[in-house]
Amino acid sequence: MPGLDPQIASHKISLIPNVEPKKQKLRRMSLEMSLKIKEEVVKQLDTRFLCVSKYPQWVSNIVPIPKKDGRV
């Protein structure tokens, strides 16, 4: 999180050497939902809440949760 010292809280993915990554099938989403997800991801990247993963082969599908006000 922006402004939080990484020595206080830091998350890392521990990998076991020589283990093949599990891959999920790509989930198709509606265009409207895809645009909302992209908007939220861009917002979180701009505020430096998210960063680019160093292990993209281990990434799983996103699970969007629609809020009552229409946000995701």
Protein backbone atom coordinates (compact mmCIF):
# COMPACT_ATOMS: atom_id res chain seq x y z
CA MET A 1 0.00 0.00 0.00
CA PRO A 2 1.27 3.46 -0.78
CA GLY A 3 2.92 5.06 2.23
CA LEU A 4 3.24 1.79 4.15
CA ASP A 5 6.79 0.76 4.96
CA PRO A 6 7.57 -2.59 3.21
CA GLN A 7 9.38 -3.73 6.35
CA ILE A 8 6.03 -3.69 8.19
CA ALA A 9 4.02 -5.65 5.61
CA SER A 10 5.23 -7.33 2.46
CA HIS A 11 3.71 -10.18 0.44
CA LYS A 12 5.68 -12.63 -1.66
CA ILE A 13 4.83 -15.85 -3.44
CA SER A 14 7.10 -18.64 -2.24
CA LEU A 15 7.92 -20.94 -5.13
CA ILE A 16 9.16 -24.50 -4.94
CA PRO A 17 11.92 -25.19 -7.49
CA ASN A 18 11.10 -27.58 -10.35
CA VAL A 19 7.33 -27.47 -9.76
CA GLU A 20 5.15 -26.95 -12.83
CA PRO A 21 2.64 -24.09 -12.51
CA LYS A 22 -1.08 -24.88 -12.45
CA LYS A 23 -2.94 -23.09 -15.21
CA GLN A 24 -6.62 -22.21 -15.19
CA LYS A 25 -8.73 -21.96 -18.31
CA LEU A 26 -9.42 -18.36 -19.28
CA ARG A 27 -12.84 -17.22 -18.07
CA ARG A 28 -14.76 -15.18 -20.60
CA MET A 29 -16.50 -12.07 -19.28
CA SER A 30 -18.97 -9.67 -20.79
CA LEU A 31 -17.56 -6.54 -22.40
CA GLU A 32 -19.21 -4.37 -19.72
CA MET A 33 -17.63 -6.39 -16.90
CA SER A 34 -14.24 -6.41 -18.65
CA LEU A 35 -14.29 -2.61 -18.93
CA LYS A 36 -15.18 -2.23 -15.24
CA ILE A 37 -12.36 -4.60 -14.24
CA LYS A 38 -9.87 -2.75 -16.45
CA GLU A 39 -10.94 0.59 -14.95
CA GLU A 40 -10.42 -0.70 -11.40
CA VAL A 41 -7.04 -2.30 -12.21
CA VAL A 42 -5.78 0.91 -13.87
CA LYS A 43 -6.94 2.92 -10.85
CA GLN A 44 -5.09 0.60 -8.44
CA LEU A 45 -1.95 0.58 -10.62
CA ASP A 46 -1.95 4.40 -10.73
CA THR A 47 -2.15 4.63 -6.93
CA ARG A 48 0.62 1.97 -6.67
CA PHE A 49 -1.70 -0.36 -4.72
CA LEU A 50 -0.94 -3.09 -7.29
CA CYS A 51 2.27 -3.88 -9.12
CA VAL A 52 3.18 -6.08 -12.06
CA SER A 53 3.73 -9.71 -11.09
CA LYS A 54 7.15 -11.30 -11.48
CA TYR A 55 5.56 -14.74 -11.85
CA PRO A 56 2.87 -14.37 -14.56
CA GLN A 57 2.70 -18.13 -15.21
CA TRP A 58 1.24 -18.61 -11.70
CA VAL A 59 -1.56 -16.07 -12.11
CA SER A 60 -5.16 -17.25 -11.80
CA ASN A 61 -8.40 -15.76 -13.09
CA ILE A 62 -9.83 -12.65 -11.48
CA VAL A 63 -13.16 -13.02 -9.64
CA PRO A 64 -15.14 -9.78 -10.01
CA ILE A 65 -17.69 -8.98 -7.29
CA PRO A 66 -20.36 -6.48 -8.38
CA LYS A 67 -21.24 -3.94 -5.67
CA LYS A 68 -24.73 -2.50 -5.10
CA ASP A 69 -23.66 0.87 -6.53
CA GLY A 70 -22.51 -0.73 -9.82
CA ARG A 71 -18.78 -0.76 -9.10
CA VAL A 72 -16.73 -3.94 -9.29
